[in-house]
C-alpha atoms as a PDB file:
ATOM      1  CA  MET A   1      15.591  34.767   5.022  1.00  0.00           C
ATOM      2  CA  ALA A   2      13.710  34.909   8.268  1.00  0.00           C
ATOM      3  CA  LYS A   3       9.983  34.323   8.339  1.00  0.00           C
ATOM      4  CA  GLN A   4       7.959  37.524   8.101  1.00  0.00           C
ATOM      5  CA  GLY A   5       6.147  36.522  11.286  1.00  0.00           C
ATOM      6  CA  SER A   6       9.486  36.488  13.147  1.00  0.00           C
ATOM      7  CA  ILE A   7      10.385  39.945  11.861  1.00  0.00           C
ATOM      8  CA  PHE A   8       6.923  41.226  12.813  1.00  0.00           C
ATOM      9  CA  LEU A   9       7.129  39.808  16.342  1.00  0.00           C
ATOM     10  CA  ASN A  10      10.567  41.362  16.719  1.00  0.00           C
ATOM     11  CA  LEU A  11       9.056  44.795  15.997  1.00  0.00           C
ATOM     12  CA  LEU A  12       6.951  44.503  19.137  1.00  0.00           C
ATOM     13  CA  ASN A  13       8.180  45.907  22.432  1.00  0.00           C
ATOM     14  CA  LEU A  14       8.150  42.501  24.128  1.00  0.00           C
ATOM     15  CA  ALA A  15      10.741  40.783  26.313  1.00  0.00           C
ATOM     16  CA  PRO A  16      12.544  37.705  24.914  1.00  0.00           C
ATOM     17  CA  LYS A  17      10.611  35.430  27.303  1.00  0.00           C
ATOM     18  CA  LYS A  18       7.265  36.668  25.969  1.00  0.00           C
ATOM     19  CA  LEU A  19       8.437  36.177  22.383  1.00  0.00           C
ATOM     20  CA  ASP A  20       9.504  32.640  23.298  1.00  0.00           C
ATOM     21  CA  ASN A  21       6.051  31.947  24.774  1.00  0.00           C
ATOM     22  CA  ILE A  22       4.377  33.185  21.575  1.00  0.00           C
ATOM     23  CA  ILE A  23       6.585  30.999  19.345  1.00  0.00           C
ATOM     24  CA  SER A  24       6.042  27.953  21.570  1.00  0.00           C
ATOM     25  CA  PHE A  25       2.264  28.441  21.413  1.00  0.00           C
ATOM     26  CA  LEU A  26       1.970  29.159  17.685  1.00  0.00           C
ATOM     27  CA  ASP A  27       4.664  26.743  16.370  1.00  0.00           C
ATOM     28  CA  ASP A  28       4.915  28.850  13.203  1.00  0.00           C
ATOM     29  CA  PRO A  29       5.544  32.608  13.735  1.00  0.00           C
ATOM     30  CA  ASP A  30       3.595  33.453  10.558  1.00  0.00           C
ATOM     31  CA  LEU A  31       0.417  32.396  12.394  1.00  0.00           C
ATOM     32  CA  ILE A  32       0.695  35.648  14.368  1.00  0.00           C
ATOM     33  CA  PHE A  33      -0.950  37.392  11.408  1.00  0.00           C
ATOM     34  CA  THR A  34      -4.188  35.404  11.777  1.00  0.00           C
ATOM     35  CA  ALA A  35      -4.282  34.685  15.524  1.00  0.00           C
ATOM     36  CA  SER A  36      -7.464  36.000  17.143  1.00  0.00           C
ATOM     37  CA  ARG A  37      -7.609  37.921  20.395  1.00  0.00           C
ATOM     38  CA  LYS A  38      -9.018  34.781  22.040  1.00  0.00           C
ATOM     39  CA  GLU A  39      -6.025  32.735  20.872  1.00  0.00           C
ATOM     40  CA  LEU A  40      -3.601  35.434  21.974  1.00  0.00           C
ATOM     41  CA  ARG A  41      -5.180  35.522  25.435  1.00  0.00           C
ATOM     42  CA  ALA A  42      -4.265  31.841  25.804  1.00  0.00           C
ATOM     43  CA  ILE A  43      -0.538  32.611  25.512  1.00  0.00           C
ATOM     44  CA  ALA A  44       1.243  32.639  28.857  1.00  0.00           C
ATOM     45  CA  SER A  45       2.530  35.991  30.167  1.00  0.00           C
ATOM     46  CA  LEU A  46       0.805  38.178  27.532  1.00  0.00           C
ATOM     47  CA  TYR A  47      -1.019  41.126  29.094  1.00  0.00           C
ATOM     48  CA  PRO A  48      -4.059  42.791  27.477  1.00  0.00           C
ATOM     49  CA  LYS A  49      -1.831  45.721  26.427  1.00  0.00           C
ATOM     50  CA  ASP A  50       0.509  43.257  24.688  1.00  0.00           C
ATOM     51  CA  ILE A  51      -2.396  41.773  22.762  1.00  0.00           C
ATOM     52  CA  GLU A  52      -3.609  45.215  21.721  1.00  0.00           C
ATOM     53  CA  GLU A  53      -0.102  46.105  20.569  1.00  0.00           C
ATOM     54  CA  ILE A  54       0.000  42.975  18.406  1.00  0.00           C
ATOM     55  CA  VAL A  55      -3.373  43.739  16.836  1.00  0.00           C
ATOM     56  CA  SER A  56      -2.606  47.417  16.200  1.00  0.00           C
ATOM     57  CA  LYS A  57       0.861  46.640  14.826  1.00  0.00           C
ATOM     58  CA  ARG A  58      -0.670  44.213  12.321  1.00  0.00           C
ATOM     59  CA  GLU A  59      -2.714  47.074  10.924  1.00  0.00           C
ATOM     60  CA  SER A  60       0.025  49.715  11.030  1.00  0.00           C
ATOM     61  CA  GLY A  61       2.148  48.889   8.005  1.00  0.00           C
ATOM     62  CA  ALA A  62       5.263  48.764  10.205  1.00  0.00           C
ATOM     63  CA  LEU A  63       6.262  45.337   8.865  1.00  0.00           C
ATOM     64  CA  GLU A  64       6.066  46.491   5.269  1.00  0.00           C
ATOM     65  CA  GLU A  65       8.321  49.475   6.037  1.00  0.00           C
ATOM     66  CA  GLU A  66      10.832  47.254   7.813  1.00  0.00           C
ATOM     67  CA  LEU A  67      10.902  44.794   4.907  1.00  0.00           C
ATOM     68  CA  LYS A  68      11.491  47.630   2.436  1.00  0.00           C
ATOM     69  CA  SER A  69      14.418  48.907   4.499  1.00  0.00           C
ATOM     70  CA  ILE A  70      15.872  45.396   4.786  1.00  0.00           C
ATOM     71  CA  GLU A  71      15.833  45.015   1.016  1.00  0.00           C
ATOM     72  CA  ARG A  72      17.016  48.555   0.279  1.00  0.00           C
ATOM     73  CA  LYS A  73      19.995  48.307   2.636  1.00  0.00           C
ATOM     74  CA  ASN A  74      20.900  44.741   1.619  1.00  0.00           C
ATOM     75  CA  ILE A  75      20.566  43.361   5.143  1.00  0.00           C
ATOM     76  CA  LYS A  76      20.267  39.657   5.836  1.00  0.00           C
ATOM     77  CA  VAL A  77      17.800  38.581   8.502  1.00  0.00           C
ATOM     78  CA  ILE A  78      18.149  35.212  10.226  1.00  0.00           C
ATOM     79  CA  ASP A  79      15.625  33.754  12.649  1.00  0.00           C
ATOM     80  CA  LEU A  80      15.593  30.782  15.018  1.00  0.00           C
ATOM     81  CA  PHE A  81      14.055  28.617  12.299  1.00  0.00           C
ATOM     82  CA  ASP A  82      16.934  29.275   9.897  1.00  0.00           C
ATOM     83  CA  ASP A  83      19.689  26.679   9.356  1.00  0.00           C
ATOM     84  CA  ASP A  84      22.222  29.539   9.355  1.00  0.00           C
ATOM     85  CA  TYR A  85      21.356  30.580  12.909  1.00  0.00           C
ATOM     86  CA  PRO A  86      24.536  30.297  15.055  1.00  0.00           C
ATOM     87  CA  GLU A  87      24.382  27.010  16.947  1.00  0.00           C
ATOM     88  CA  LEU A  88      26.081  28.227  20.135  1.00  0.00           C
ATOM     89  CA  LEU A  89      23.681  31.176  20.362  1.00  0.00           C
ATOM     90  CA  ARG A  90      20.715  28.867  19.844  1.00  0.00           C
ATOM     91  CA  GLN A  91      21.699  27.066  23.076  1.00  0.00           C
ATOM     92  CA  ILE A  92      21.328  30.035  25.456  1.00  0.00           C
ATOM     93  CA  SER A  93      18.226  30.863  27.461  1.00  0.00           C
ATOM     94  CA  PHE A  94      15.776  32.873  25.349  1.00  0.00           C
ATOM     95  CA  PRO A  95      18.016  33.348  22.308  1.00  0.00           C
ATOM     96  CA  PRO A  96      17.192  36.266  19.993  1.00  0.00           C
ATOM     97  CA  LEU A  97      14.263  35.432  17.733  1.00  0.00           C
ATOM     98  CA  VAL A  98      15.822  37.469  14.930  1.00  0.00           C
ATOM     99  CA  LEU A  99      19.344  38.567  13.955  1.00  0.00           C
ATOM    100  CA  TYR A 100      19.825  41.421  11.497  1.00  0.00           C
ATOM    101  CA  VAL A 101      23.202  41.035   9.779  1.00  0.00           C
ATOM    102  CA  LYS A 102      25.138  43.477   7.628  1.00  0.00           C
ATOM    103  CA  GLY A 103      28.246  41.996   6.072  1.00  0.00           C
ATOM    104  CA  LYS A 104      29.506  38.424   5.814  1.00  0.00           C
ATOM    105  CA  SER A 105      26.935  36.306   7.644  1.00  0.00           C
ATOM    106  CA  GLN A 106      29.118  33.204   7.222  1.00  0.00           C
ATOM    107  CA  VAL A 107      31.464  34.494   9.947  1.00  0.00           C
ATOM    108  CA  LEU A 108      28.742  33.699  12.497  1.00  0.00           C
ATOM    109  CA  ASN A 109      29.532  30.019  12.139  1.00  0.00           C
ATOM    110  CA  LYS A 110      33.306  30.289  12.495  1.00  0.00           C
ATOM    111  CA  PRO A 111      35.205  29.964  15.814  1.00  0.00           C
ATOM    112  CA  LEU A 112      34.154  33.097  17.724  1.00  0.00           C
ATOM    113  CA  PHE A 113      35.880  34.656  20.728  1.00  0.00           C
ATOM    114  CA  ALA A 114      34.619  37.717  22.633  1.00  0.00           C
ATOM    115  CA  MET A 115      36.644  40.607  24.035  1.00  0.00           C
ATOM    116  CA  VAL A 116      35.048  43.344  26.142  1.00  0.00           C
ATOM    117  CA  GLY A 117      35.970  45.960  28.710  1.00  0.00           C
ATOM    118  CA  THR A 118      35.675  49.491  29.990  1.00  0.00           C
ATOM    119  CA  ARG A 119      34.730  52.504  27.887  1.00  0.00           C
ATOM    120  CA  MET A 120      37.522  54.440  29.650  1.00  0.00           C
ATOM    121  CA  PRO A 121      40.609  52.265  29.293  1.00  0.00           C
ATOM    122  CA  THR A 122      44.241  53.039  30.011  1.00  0.00           C
ATOM    123  CA  LYS A 123      46.841  53.122  27.248  1.00  0.00           C
ATOM    124  CA  TYR A 124      47.913  49.679  28.476  1.00  0.00           C
ATOM    125  CA  GLY A 125      44.378  48.365  28.109  1.00  0.00           C
ATOM    126  CA  ILE A 126      44.028  49.696  24.562  1.00  0.00           C
ATOM    127  CA  ALA A 127      47.399  48.226  23.577  1.00  0.00           C
ATOM    128  CA  MET A 128      46.565  44.816  25.080  1.00  0.00           C
ATOM    129  CA  ALA A 129      43.104  44.742  23.488  1.00  0.00           C
ATOM    130  CA  GLN A 130      44.568  45.459  20.070  1.00  0.00           C
ATOM    131  CA  GLU A 131      47.414  42.980  20.501  1.00  0.00           C
ATOM    132  CA  PHE A 132      45.239  40.096  21.749  1.00  0.00           C
ATOM    133  CA  SER A 133      42.502  40.654  19.178  1.00  0.00           C
ATOM    134  CA  HIS A 134      45.010  40.933  16.332  1.00  0.00           C
ATOM    135  CA  ASN A 135      46.899  37.788  17.348  1.00  0.00           C
ATOM    136  CA  LEU A 136      43.748  35.746  17.984  1.00  0.00           C
ATOM    137  CA  SER A 137      42.219  36.807  14.675  1.00  0.00           C
ATOM    138  CA  MET A 138      45.425  35.906  12.849  1.00  0.00           C
ATOM    139  CA  LEU A 139      45.149  32.407  14.307  1.00  0.00           C
ATOM    140  CA  GLY A 140      41.611  31.992  12.974  1.00  0.00           C
ATOM    141  CA  PHE A 141      39.241  33.352  15.611  1.00  0.00           C
ATOM    142  CA  VAL A 142      36.593  35.915  14.684  1.00  0.00           C
ATOM    143  CA  ILE A 143      36.632  38.538  17.450  1.00  0.00           C
ATOM    144  CA  VAL A 144      33.229  39.496  18.882  1.00  0.00           C
ATOM    145  CA  SER A 145      32.628  42.747  20.755  1.00  0.00           C
ATOM    146  CA  GLY A 146      30.009  45.428  21.278  1.00  0.00           C
ATOM    147  CA  LEU A 147      31.276  48.452  19.261  1.00  0.00           C
ATOM    148  CA  ALA A 148      31.326  50.544  22.457  1.00  0.00           C
ATOM    149  CA  ARG A 149      33.962  53.167  23.119  1.00  0.00           C
ATOM    150  CA  GLY A 150      37.218  51.998  24.683  1.00  0.00           C
ATOM    151  CA  ILE A 151      38.158  48.326  24.843  1.00  0.00           C
ATOM    152  CA  ASP A 152      35.434  47.208  22.423  1.00  0.00           C
ATOM    153  CA  THR A 153      36.638  49.675  19.796  1.00  0.00           C
ATOM    154  CA  ALA A 154      40.282  48.685  20.328  1.00  0.00           C
ATOM    155  CA  SER A 155      39.376  45.003  20.008  1.00  0.00           C
ATOM    156  CA  HIS A 156      37.574  45.555  16.710  1.00  0.00           C
ATOM    157  CA  ARG A 157      40.435  47.674  15.359  1.00  0.00           C
ATOM    158  CA  GLY A 158      43.040  45.086  16.276  1.00  0.00           C
ATOM    159  CA  ALA A 159      41.088  42.325  14.566  1.00  0.00           C
ATOM    160  CA  ILE A 160      40.327  44.084  11.270  1.00  0.00           C
ATOM    161  CA  LYS A 161      43.998  44.794  10.583  1.00  0.00           C
ATOM    162  CA  LYS A 162      44.267  41.328   9.061  1.00  0.00           C
ATOM    163  CA  GLY A 163      41.324  39.272  10.333  1.00  0.00           C
ATOM    164  CA  GLU A 164      37.574  39.327  10.919  1.00  0.00           C
ATOM    165  CA  THR A 165      35.397  40.730  13.670  1.00  0.00           C
ATOM    166  CA  ILE A 166      31.715  40.935  14.619  1.00  0.00           C
ATOM    167  CA  ALA A 167      30.145  44.000  16.221  1.00  0.00           C
ATOM    168  CA  VAL A 168      26.959  43.355  18.196  1.00  0.00           C
ATOM    169  CA  LEU A 169      24.826  46.474  18.648  1.00  0.00           C
ATOM    170  CA  GLY A 170      22.450  47.647  21.360  1.00  0.00           C
ATOM    171  CA  SER A 171      20.583  49.601  18.699  1.00  0.00           C
ATOM    172  CA  GLY A 172      19.332  48.989  15.166  1.00  0.00           C
ATOM    173  CA  LEU A 173      21.747  48.523  12.269  1.00  0.00           C
ATOM    174  CA  LEU A 174      20.565  51.802  10.737  1.00  0.00           C
ATOM    175  CA  ASN A 175      21.069  53.697  14.000  1.00  0.00           C
ATOM    176  CA  ILE A 176      24.733  53.061  14.843  1.00  0.00           C
ATOM    177  CA  TYR A 177      25.774  53.851  18.407  1.00  0.00           C
ATOM    178  CA  PRO A 178      28.078  55.474  19.335  1.00  0.00           C
ATOM    179  CA  ARG A 179      27.965  57.778  16.310  1.00  0.00           C
ATOM    180  CA  GLU A 180      31.742  58.172  16.154  1.00  0.00           C
ATOM    181  CA  ASN A 181      32.037  54.468  15.352  1.00  0.00           C
ATOM    182  CA  THR A 182      29.887  54.691  12.210  1.00  0.00           C
ATOM    183  CA  ASN A 183      32.921  54.438   9.905  1.00  0.00           C
ATOM    184  CA  LEU A 184      34.357  51.603  11.987  1.00  0.00           C
ATOM    185  CA  ALA A 185      31.060  49.733  11.699  1.00  0.00           C
ATOM    186  CA  GLU A 186      31.234  50.098   7.909  1.00  0.00           C
ATOM    187  CA  LYS A 187      34.773  48.670   7.844  1.00  0.00           C
ATOM    188  CA  ILE A 188      33.696  45.806  10.105  1.00  0.00           C
ATOM    189  CA  SER A 189      30.822  44.923   7.753  1.00  0.00           C
ATOM    190  CA  GLU A 190      33.311  44.703   4.882  1.00  0.00           C
ATOM    191  CA  GLN A 191      35.609  42.265   6.714  1.00  0.00           C
ATOM    192  CA  GLY A 192      33.189  40.623   9.102  1.00  0.00           C
ATOM    193  CA  ALA A 193      29.682  41.489  10.230  1.00  0.00           C
ATOM    194  CA  VAL A 194      27.640  43.989  12.208  1.00  0.00           C
ATOM    195  CA  LEU A 195      24.557  42.481  13.811  1.00  0.00           C
ATOM    196  CA  SER A 196      21.662  43.310  16.092  1.00  0.00           C
ATOM    197  CA  GLU A 197      18.504  41.684  17.363  1.00  0.00           C
ATOM    198  CA  PHE A 198      16.746  45.061  17.362  1.00  0.00           C
ATOM    199  CA  PRO A 199      14.671  46.525  14.499  1.00  0.00           C
ATOM    200  CA  LEU A 200      16.671  48.549  11.990  1.00  0.00           C
ATOM    201  CA  TYR A 201      16.004  52.022  13.407  1.00  0.00           C
ATOM    202  CA  ALA A 202      15.830  51.072  17.112  1.00  0.00           C
ATOM    203  CA  SER A 203      17.340  53.604  19.529  1.00  0.00           C
ATOM    204  CA  PRO A 204      20.194  52.642  21.893  1.00  0.00           C
ATOM    205  CA  ARG A 205      18.068  52.361  25.014  1.00  0.00           C
ATOM    206  CA  ARG A 206      19.782  51.539  28.287  1.00  0.00           C
ATOM    207  CA  GLU A 207      17.890  48.266  28.699  1.00  0.00           C
ATOM    208  CA  ASN A 208      19.117  47.088  25.292  1.00  0.00           C
ATOM    209  CA  PHE A 209      22.714  46.652  26.366  1.00  0.00           C
ATOM    210  CA  PRO A 210      22.361  43.689  28.770  1.00  0.00           C
ATOM    211  CA  ARG A 211      20.436  41.993  25.951  1.00  0.00           C
ATOM    212  CA  ARG A 212      23.278  42.888  23.574  1.00  0.00           C
ATOM    213  CA  ASN A 213      25.797  41.471  26.066  1.00  0.00           C
ATOM    214  CA  ARG A 214      24.078  38.075  26.204  1.00  0.00           C
ATOM    215  CA  ILE A 215      24.545  37.831  22.430  1.00  0.00           C
ATOM    216  CA  VAL A 216      28.237  38.797  22.614  1.00  0.00           C
ATOM    217  CA  SER A 217      28.910  35.992  25.097  1.00  0.00           C
ATOM    218  CA  GLY A 218      26.349  33.583  23.634  1.00  0.00           C
ATOM    219  CA  LEU A 219      27.953  33.616  20.195  1.00  0.00           C
ATOM    220  CA  SER A 220      31.415  32.923  21.590  1.00  0.00           C
ATOM    221  CA  CYS A 221      33.258  29.970  23.060  1.00  0.00           C
ATOM    222  CA  GLY A 222      35.077  32.267  25.476  1.00  0.00           C
ATOM    223  CA  VAL A 223      35.170  35.856  26.738  1.00  0.00           C
ATOM    224  CA  LEU A 224      38.243  37.906  27.658  1.00  0.00           C
ATOM    225  CA  ILE A 225      37.792  40.865  30.015  1.00  0.00           C
ATOM    226  CA  VAL A 226      40.638  43.275  29.274  1.00  0.00           C
ATOM    227  CA  GLU A 227      39.958  46.143  31.678  1.00  0.00           C
ATOM    228  CA  ALA A 228      36.811  46.762  33.707  1.00  0.00           C
ATOM    229  CA  ALA A 229      35.742  48.646  36.801  1.00  0.00           C
ATOM    230  CA  ALA A 230      34.234  46.858  39.785  1.00  0.00           C
ATOM    231  CA  ARG A 231      30.748  47.772  38.519  1.00  0.00           C
ATOM    232  CA  SER A 232      30.843  47.409  34.780  1.00  0.00           C
ATOM    233  CA  GLY A 233      28.866  46.183  31.797  1.00  0.00           C
ATOM    234  CA  ALA A 234      31.854  43.979  30.999  1.00  0.00           C
ATOM    235  CA  LEU A 235      31.295  42.114  34.266  1.00  0.00           C
ATOM    236  CA  ILE A 236      27.659  41.611  33.279  1.00  0.00           C
ATOM    237  CA  THR A 237      28.921  40.008  30.071  1.00  0.00           C
ATOM    238  CA  ALA A 238      31.323  37.815  32.055  1.00  0.00           C
ATOM    239  CA  HIS A 239      28.585  36.585  34.403  1.00  0.00           C
ATOM    240  CA  LEU A 240      26.263  35.950  31.454  1.00  0.00           C
ATOM    241  CA  ALA A 241      29.061  33.916  29.882  1.00  0.00           C
ATOM    242  CA  LEU A 242      29.319  31.780  33.005  1.00  0.00           C
ATOM    243  CA  GLU A 243      25.550  31.212  32.992  1.00  0.00           C
ATOM    244  CA  GLN A 244      25.860  30.169  29.343  1.00  0.00           C
ATOM    245  CA  ASN A 245      28.616  27.679  30.214  1.00  0.00           C
ATOM    246  CA  ARG A 246      31.339  29.652  28.414  1.00  0.00           C
ATOM    247  CA  GLU A 247      34.965  30.092  29.436  1.00  0.00           C
ATOM    248  CA  VAL A 248      35.810  33.421  31.070  1.00  0.00           C
ATOM    249  CA  PHE A 249      39.285  34.941  30.928  1.00  0.00           C
ATOM    250  CA  ALA A 250      40.654  38.094  32.560  1.00  0.00           C
ATOM    251  CA  LEU A 251      43.764  40.175  32.005  1.00  0.00           C
ATOM    252  CA  ALA A 252      45.463  41.227  35.231  1.00  0.00           C
ATOM    253  CA  GLY A 253      46.369  44.893  35.638  1.00  0.00           C
ATOM    254  CA  ARG A 254      47.758  47.304  38.195  1.00  0.00           C
ATOM    255  CA  VAL A 255      46.369  46.700  41.686  1.00  0.00           C
ATOM    256  CA  ASP A 256      45.861  50.441  42.178  1.00  0.00           C
ATOM    257  CA  SER A 257      43.980  50.982  38.917  1.00  0.00           C
ATOM    258  CA  PRO A 258      40.158  51.344  39.138  1.00  0.00           C
ATOM    259  CA  VAL A 259      39.771  49.779  35.672  1.00  0.00           C
ATOM    260  CA  SER A 260      41.601  46.639  36.826  1.00  0.00           C
ATOM    261  CA  LYS A 261      39.286  45.968  39.775  1.00  0.00           C
ATOM    262  CA  GLY A 262      36.661  44.145  37.724  1.00  0.00           C
ATOM    263  CA  ALA A 263      39.158  41.773  36.113  1.00  0.00           C
ATOM    264  CA  HIS A 264      40.703  41.037  39.519  1.00  0.00           C
ATOM    265  CA  ILE A 265      37.269  40.282  40.975  1.00  0.00           C
ATOM    266  CA  LEU A 266      36.643  37.804  38.165  1.00  0.00           C
ATOM    267  CA  ILE A 267      40.011  36.135  38.717  1.00  0.00           C
ATOM    268  CA  LYS A 268      39.170  35.692  42.400  1.00  0.00           C
ATOM    269  CA  GLU A 269      35.846  34.160  41.320  1.00  0.00           C
ATOM    270  CA  GLY A 270      37.643  31.629  39.133  1.00  0.00           C
ATOM    271  CA  ALA A 271      38.199  33.312  35.764  1.00  0.00           C
ATOM    272  CA  LYS A 272      41.339  32.175  33.957  1.00  0.00           C
ATOM    273  CA  LEU A 273      44.236  34.599  34.455  1.00  0.00           C
ATOM    274  CA  VAL A 274      45.644  35.506  31.048  1.00  0.00           C
ATOM    275  CA  ASP A 275      49.011  36.960  30.106  1.00  0.00           C
ATOM    276  CA  SER A 276      49.364  35.389  26.657  1.00  0.00           C
ATOM    277  CA  ILE A 277      47.115  33.919  23.960  1.00  0.00           C
ATOM    278  CA  GLU A 278      48.561  30.500  24.800  1.00  0.00           C
ATOM    279  CA  ASP A 279      46.569  30.637  28.054  1.00  0.00           C
ATOM    280  CA  ILE A 280      43.377  30.991  26.004  1.00  0.00           C
ATOM    281  CA  LEU A 281      44.247  28.262  23.509  1.00  0.00           C
ATOM    282  CA  GLU A 282      45.180  25.855  26.304  1.00  0.00           C
ATOM    283  CA  GLU A 283      41.916  26.398  28.187  1.00  0.00           C
ATOM    284  CA  LEU A 284      39.863  25.987  25.002  1.00  0.00           C
ATOM    285  CA  ASN A 285      41.918  22.918  24.067  1.00  0.00           C
ATOM    286  CA  ILE A 286      42.719  24.264  20.622  1.00  0.00           C
ATOM    287  CA  SER A 287      46.031  23.736  18.841  1.00  0.00           C
ATOM    288  CA  PHE A 288      46.261  25.849  15.733  1.00  0.00           C
ATOM    289  CA  GLU A 289      49.512  24.108  14.808  1.00  0.00           C
ATOM    290  CA  LYS A 290      47.580  20.866  14.348  1.00  0.00           C
ATOM    291  CA  GLU A 291      44.196  22.195  13.210  1.00  0.00           C
ATOM    292  CA  THR A 292      43.821  24.301  10.092  1.00  0.00           C
ATOM    293  CA  ASN A 293      40.092  24.807  10.647  1.00  0.00           C
ATOM    294  CA  PRO A 294      39.507  24.707  14.417  1.00  0.00           C
ATOM    295  CA  SER A 295      36.068  24.789  15.959  1.00  0.00           C
ATOM    296  CA  CYS A 296      34.917  25.646  19.427  1.00  0.00           C
ATOM    297  CA  ALA A 297      31.870  24.642  21.386  1.00  0.00           C
ATOM    298  CA  ALA A 298      30.398  25.353  24.789  1.00  0.00           C
ATOM    299  CA  LYS A 299      32.094  23.312  27.482  1.00  0.00           C
ATOM    300  CA  GLN A 300      30.211  20.369  28.875  1.00  0.00           C
ATOM    301  CA  LYS A 301      28.718  20.687  32.343  1.00  0.00           C
END
């Protein structure tokens, strides 16, 4: 279980860098409950309004309510100090202080592979997302995606036919977005896990989704872009993956299709062109014929 200080800090409306500065200064997040205003003023990047938010939140009872909801809904909370925290995610810049997990938390430490794409895919894109996710999950990968409409949804559905998948949210676990995927999220939690860095009832704010995307790529040893427009959240995930030293793959599509433009841009930038799962296994240097319990790690620079 995460430290209560970590859960409390995560309730604050602070950027990951500010949370990192607080943890670095305090050493133990539970010290946030006794830190004076003078001590808080010594923490780099904290503004007076941030300090006042910390002080007022300590007196608000918000932590107690969050802890009650965590227990009532049987949600596991992992923080950076926990041995169960995913090692690949720990390596990224400003990793999430806290992960809320509903489902089988052990899947976080299996070989993870991300699949993302447009919310408005073609029939071809949906079919390919389901086929690749199903086949990769049958080999032993846990498929990671963002529960969004379109390619994300197709990727989750393909994986849970026989395998496991992880849905990473841009909202709290008790505020599923989009609403139409509420039942899918429940099925995912039964066969894999639904997770979020945001407090349980957090709204799906626009700024949450790039933060969500860094987790999708950060958890995974590789990312496959199935279909994406030239300006797309999927491309943000791909570029985050490159920054995190992960492998990026792209599925080629029709040259006259707007939802193929993003994948083609990535291929021109050096992403691995994929037309079969063998292309992915070869690039990741994994042979499932020889390894019954394969692992994957970030590539070495």
